[in-house]
Amino acid sequence: MQAISVQSPVGVGRHGHSPVPRQEELMFTGALAEIPRPVNLVGTGDVSGSALLDGSAVDALLERFATAYSNGDRRAIASQWSKWLFHAWLSPTVAVMVLDGYSLTRQSGDWGIRFTQGGRAERLWLRSTLAPSQRVSVDRLLTQLVSEDLGDAVAALARHSGASVNVFWSNAGNLVEHVLTRLADHPVTCPDRLAQARQFLDTPRLAGVRNRLHRPVTYRLTEGSTTPQRLRRVCCIRYRLEEYDYCENCPLACRSAKPARGHG
């Protein structure tokens, strides 16, 4: 995989900035090895963050992604598509927020997502690899993400698919909680910053407004088990696709008795 800084851009090393990331040798390794590393070279077919947030690129991408499924439930297809999008976008973004204290995607025109020919999100690309030298609190970074870019993306997905915004917020929250769980096992994670991120997920309201990432998953002990079961708060509706059953984290009491297939 390529590191974020594929080639040192003009301006690297100037006063007040440093290359991304500062802990490059360790950042996306070990517990975070599953995170797709961002790149800073735009390729053919890459889609800008602004085109994703305003929804102008969503229809075409969903059409490409939908060819992998035999039935046409657009809501479920969009939900599955959003999981790949959030993995490529939010996984590295949240990891860097906790580990290095800044946002990779500060301006929607300065980042985007690389997609496969089938319309599946693959990885984040960045026009700039310069990082502010001053750290920002994790709760402030997450609040900005939720209230700005992520809120716009969720609204666009709901508008172009017909699925509830709750489905997409749940997919995003499920991914963020998973990244925080992985960060707990990473050697360069600062415990205080990780605690701030966990506290953010436990906070129901942000400046009087609902926190849409509040407790996206719960852990429950079932009868005869000593290990808590991880359950989403909201179903991802993937069962509407013939290729999938209810996922292993499904919260629905009526979910199929058949073994869950794939990842939630």
Protein backbone atom coordinates (compact mmCIF):
# COMPACT_ATOMS: atom_id res chain seq x y z
CA MET A 1 0.00 0.00 0.00
CA GLN A 2 1.07 3.58 -0.58
CA ALA A 3 1.66 5.87 2.34
CA ILE A 4 -0.26 9.10 2.56
CA SER A 5 2.74 11.14 1.44
CA VAL A 6 3.43 9.53 -1.91
CA GLN A 7 5.56 12.46 -2.99
CA SER A 8 6.53 15.45 -0.88
CA PRO A 9 4.31 18.32 -2.06
CA VAL A 10 5.51 21.90 -2.36
CA GLY A 11 5.51 23.56 1.03
CA VAL A 12 6.24 20.53 3.19
CA GLY A 13 8.38 21.54 6.14
CA ARG A 14 7.36 25.19 6.17
CA HIS A 15 6.84 26.82 9.56
CA GLY A 16 3.77 25.59 11.43
CA HIS A 17 3.17 22.46 9.37
CA SER A 18 4.49 18.93 9.14
CA PRO A 19 4.02 16.02 6.70
CA VAL A 20 1.05 13.66 7.18
CA PRO A 21 1.11 11.61 9.29
CA ARG A 22 3.72 12.28 11.96
CA GLN A 23 3.69 8.62 13.04
CA GLU A 24 3.47 7.19 9.53
CA GLU A 25 5.55 4.11 10.31
CA LEU A 26 3.07 2.96 12.96
CA MET A 27 -0.23 4.61 12.15
CA PHE A 28 -1.89 2.16 9.76
CA THR A 29 -0.28 -1.02 11.03
CA GLY A 30 -1.18 -3.68 13.57
CA ALA A 31 -4.70 -3.10 14.89
CA LEU A 32 -5.28 -0.51 12.15
CA ALA A 33 -3.86 -2.54 9.25
CA GLU A 34 -7.39 -3.03 7.85
CA ILE A 35 -7.76 0.71 7.25
CA PRO A 36 -7.16 1.70 3.60
CA ARG A 37 -4.29 4.20 3.52
CA PRO A 38 -5.10 7.54 1.91
CA VAL A 39 -3.11 8.70 -1.10
CA ASN A 40 -2.35 12.19 -2.38
CA LEU A 41 -2.44 11.51 -6.11
CA VAL A 42 -5.79 11.93 -7.86
CA GLY A 43 -6.55 9.13 -10.32
CA THR A 44 -8.99 8.66 -13.20
CA GLY A 45 -12.53 8.21 -11.91
CA ASP A 46 -11.85 9.59 -8.44
CA VAL A 47 -14.76 11.60 -7.03
CA SER A 48 -14.34 14.82 -5.06
CA GLY A 49 -15.70 15.21 -1.57
CA SER A 50 -17.88 18.10 -2.71
CA ALA A 51 -19.56 15.91 -5.38
CA LEU A 52 -20.31 13.29 -2.73
CA LEU A 53 -21.59 15.74 -0.14
CA ASP A 54 -23.93 17.60 -2.50
CA GLY A 55 -25.13 14.30 -3.99
CA SER A 56 -24.25 15.08 -7.61
CA ALA A 57 -22.12 11.93 -7.93
CA VAL A 58 -24.30 9.58 -5.90
CA ASP A 59 -26.78 8.37 -8.52
CA ALA A 60 -24.12 7.27 -11.01
CA LEU A 61 -22.08 5.52 -8.31
CA LEU A 62 -25.13 3.68 -6.96
CA GLU A 63 -26.03 2.53 -10.47
CA ARG A 64 -22.56 1.05 -10.92
CA PHE A 65 -22.64 -0.59 -7.49
CA ALA A 66 -26.15 -1.98 -8.06
CA THR A 67 -24.99 -4.22 -10.92
CA ALA A 68 -23.56 -6.64 -8.34
CA TYR A 69 -27.02 -7.39 -6.94
CA SER A 70 -29.81 -9.37 -8.56
CA ASN A 71 -32.76 -7.48 -7.13
CA GLY A 72 -33.29 -3.76 -7.20
CA ASP A 73 -33.94 -2.61 -3.63
CA ARG A 74 -32.23 0.76 -3.94
CA ARG A 75 -32.45 1.46 -0.21
CA ALA A 76 -30.52 -1.68 0.75
CA ILE A 77 -28.05 -1.19 -2.09
CA ALA A 78 -27.36 2.36 -0.89
CA SER A 79 -26.90 1.12 2.67
CA GLN A 80 -24.30 -1.44 1.57
CA TRP A 81 -22.61 1.16 -0.63
CA SER A 82 -22.41 3.60 2.28
CA LYS A 83 -20.53 1.02 4.38
CA TRP A 84 -17.72 0.97 1.84
CA LEU A 85 -17.82 4.77 1.60
CA PHE A 86 -17.55 5.22 5.35
CA HIS A 87 -14.77 2.64 5.61
CA ALA A 88 -12.67 4.46 2.99
CA TRP A 89 -13.46 7.94 4.34
CA LEU A 90 -14.16 7.74 8.07
CA SER A 91 -11.75 4.96 9.09
CA PRO A 92 -8.54 6.92 8.36
CA THR A 93 -10.17 10.25 9.24
CA VAL A 94 -11.25 9.16 12.74
CA ALA A 95 -7.96 7.33 13.34
CA VAL A 96 -5.96 10.48 12.57
CA MET A 97 -8.31 12.59 14.70
CA VAL A 98 -7.55 10.41 17.71
CA LEU A 99 -3.88 9.72 17.00
CA ASP A 100 -2.73 13.07 15.65
CA GLY A 101 -5.42 15.62 16.54
CA TYR A 102 -6.57 17.05 13.21
CA SER A 103 -8.95 16.34 10.35
CA LEU A 104 -7.68 14.92 7.06
CA THR A 105 -10.69 16.36 5.20
CA ARG A 106 -10.74 20.02 6.17
CA GLN A 107 -12.17 21.35 2.88
CA SER A 108 -14.58 19.34 0.71
CA GLY A 109 -12.73 20.40 -2.45
CA ASP A 110 -9.41 19.13 -1.14
CA TRP A 111 -10.32 15.47 -0.73
CA GLY A 112 -12.25 12.75 -2.43
CA ILE A 113 -12.76 9.01 -2.71
CA ARG A 114 -11.21 6.55 -5.14
CA PHE A 115 -13.81 4.11 -6.46
CA THR A 116 -13.48 0.78 -8.23
CA GLN A 117 -15.05 0.27 -11.65
CA GLY A 118 -17.96 -1.36 -9.83
CA GLY A 119 -18.65 1.80 -7.84
CA ARG A 120 -17.25 0.56 -4.52
CA ALA A 121 -15.35 3.09 -2.41
CA GLU A 122 -11.70 2.05 -2.15
CA ARG A 123 -9.69 4.74 -0.38
CA LEU A 124 -9.43 8.42 0.50
CA TRP A 125 -7.33 10.80 -1.58
CA LEU A 126 -6.00 14.14 -0.36
CA ARG A 127 -4.79 17.13 -2.35
CA SER A 128 -2.62 18.28 0.55
CA THR A 129 -0.45 16.29 2.92
CA LEU A 130 0.20 19.20 5.27
CA ALA A 131 -0.95 18.80 8.85
CA PRO A 132 -1.44 21.64 11.35
CA SER A 133 1.18 21.50 14.08
CA GLN A 134 -1.36 22.24 16.83
CA ARG A 135 -3.67 19.47 18.00
CA VAL A 136 -7.42 19.98 18.40
CA SER A 137 -9.59 18.17 20.95
CA VAL A 138 -11.20 14.97 19.69
CA ASP A 139 -14.71 16.02 20.68
CA ARG A 140 -14.38 19.25 18.70
CA LEU A 141 -13.15 17.38 15.61
CA LEU A 142 -15.94 14.80 15.83
CA THR A 143 -18.55 17.49 16.43
CA GLN A 144 -17.44 19.29 13.27
CA LEU A 145 -17.50 16.05 11.29
CA VAL A 146 -21.03 15.16 12.43
CA SER A 147 -22.51 18.63 12.01
CA GLU A 148 -20.89 19.39 8.67
CA ASP A 149 -19.53 16.87 6.13
CA LEU A 150 -21.07 13.68 7.54
CA GLY A 151 -24.45 15.35 7.96
CA ASP A 152 -24.37 16.48 4.33
CA ALA A 153 -23.35 13.02 3.12
CA VAL A 154 -26.13 11.30 5.05
CA ALA A 155 -28.73 13.77 3.76
CA ALA A 156 -27.56 13.22 0.17
CA LEU A 157 -27.68 9.43 0.54
CA ALA A 158 -31.20 9.50 1.97
CA ARG A 159 -32.34 11.89 -0.74
CA HIS A 160 -30.98 9.77 -3.58
CA SER A 161 -31.96 6.35 -2.25
CA GLY A 162 -35.21 6.69 -0.34
CA ALA A 163 -33.71 5.02 2.75
CA SER A 164 -34.04 6.62 6.17
CA VAL A 165 -31.25 8.88 7.40
CA ASN A 166 -31.20 6.64 10.49
CA VAL A 167 -29.80 3.78 8.41
CA PHE A 168 -26.85 5.83 7.19
CA TRP A 169 -26.15 7.41 10.57
CA SER A 170 -26.15 3.92 12.02
CA ASN A 171 -23.72 2.68 9.38
CA ALA A 172 -21.42 5.61 10.11
CA GLY A 173 -21.67 5.17 13.87
CA ASN A 174 -21.09 1.45 13.64
CA LEU A 175 -17.88 2.11 11.70
CA VAL A 176 -16.67 4.83 14.07
CA GLU A 177 -17.23 2.63 17.11
CA HIS A 178 -15.35 -0.20 15.42
CA VAL A 179 -12.36 2.08 14.69
CA LEU A 180 -12.26 3.23 18.32
CA THR A 181 -12.27 -0.40 19.44
CA ARG A 182 -9.31 -1.09 17.16
CA LEU A 183 -7.50 2.01 18.41
CA ALA A 184 -7.59 0.61 21.95
CA ASP A 185 -5.11 -2.04 20.77
CA HIS A 186 -2.82 0.33 18.87
CA PRO A 187 0.59 1.12 20.41
CA VAL A 188 0.64 4.86 19.66
CA THR A 189 -2.90 5.63 20.85
CA CYS A 190 -3.11 8.24 23.60
CA PRO A 191 -5.53 6.87 26.24
CA ASP A 192 -6.86 10.35 27.06
CA ARG A 193 -7.73 11.15 23.45
CA LEU A 194 -9.35 7.74 22.98
CA ALA A 195 -11.38 8.35 26.14
CA GLN A 196 -12.54 11.68 24.67
CA ALA A 197 -13.71 9.91 21.52
CA ARG A 198 -15.58 7.27 23.51
CA GLN A 199 -17.17 9.99 25.62
CA PHE A 200 -18.34 11.68 22.42
CA LEU A 201 -20.24 8.53 21.44
CA ASP A 202 -21.80 8.48 24.91
CA THR A 203 -22.97 12.10 24.65
CA PRO A 204 -26.64 12.32 23.57
CA ARG A 205 -26.69 16.01 22.62
CA LEU A 206 -24.16 18.46 21.16
CA ALA A 207 -24.84 22.12 21.98
CA GLY A 208 -28.54 21.29 22.35
CA VAL A 209 -28.71 19.30 19.10
CA ARG A 210 -29.07 15.52 18.90
CA ASN A 211 -25.78 13.67 18.49
CA ARG A 212 -26.55 11.35 15.60
CA LEU A 213 -23.60 9.10 16.53
CA HIS A 214 -24.80 8.60 20.09
CA ARG A 215 -24.32 4.97 21.16
CA PRO A 216 -24.53 3.38 17.70
CA VAL A 217 -24.00 -0.09 19.16
CA THR A 218 -24.71 -1.85 22.44
CA TYR A 219 -23.12 -4.86 24.10
CA ARG A 220 -25.50 -7.34 25.69
CA LEU A 221 -24.99 -10.57 27.56
CA THR A 222 -27.26 -13.33 26.34
CA GLU A 223 -28.32 -16.34 28.32
CA GLY A 224 -25.57 -18.93 28.60
CA SER A 225 -22.88 -16.60 27.23
CA THR A 226 -19.98 -14.92 29.04
CA THR A 227 -19.07 -12.70 26.09
CA PRO A 228 -21.30 -9.66 25.39
CA GLN A 229 -22.90 -9.65 21.95
CA ARG A 230 -22.29 -6.53 19.88
CA LEU A 231 -25.58 -5.21 18.45
CA ARG A 232 -26.32 -2.23 16.26
CA ARG A 233 -29.04 0.13 17.44
CA VAL A 234 -30.53 0.39 13.94
CA CYS A 235 -30.79 -2.34 11.30
CA CYS A 236 -28.74 -1.77 8.14
CA ILE A 237 -31.54 -3.37 6.03
CA ARG A 238 -29.09 -5.49 4.03
CA TYR A 239 -31.48 -8.44 4.42
CA ARG A 240 -33.56 -6.82 1.66
CA LEU A 241 -30.92 -8.02 -0.79
CA GLU A 242 -31.15 -11.65 -1.93
CA GLU A 243 -27.39 -12.06 -1.51
CA TYR A 244 -27.52 -11.41 2.26
CA ASP A 245 -29.23 -12.62 5.39
CA TYR A 246 -29.51 -10.59 8.60
CA CYS A 247 -26.02 -9.62 9.79
CA GLU A 248 -24.40 -10.93 12.95
CA ASN A 249 -24.90 -7.54 14.66
CA CYS A 250 -28.56 -7.13 13.66
CA PRO A 251 -30.77 -5.73 16.44
CA LEU A 252 -34.05 -7.09 15.02
CA ALA A 253 -35.71 -9.70 17.22
CA CYS A 254 -37.23 -11.30 14.12
CA ARG A 255 -33.93 -11.85 12.34
CA SER A 256 -33.43 -15.14 10.49
CA ALA A 257 -32.39 -18.26 12.31
CA LYS A 258 -29.94 -19.00 9.49
CA PRO A 259 -26.24 -18.15 10.14
CA ALA A 260 -25.42 -14.55 9.36
CA ARG A 261 -23.33 -14.04 6.23
CA GLY A 262 -20.66 -11.41 5.61
CA HIS A 263 -20.03 -8.33 7.75
CA GLY A 264 -22.52 -5.89 9.20
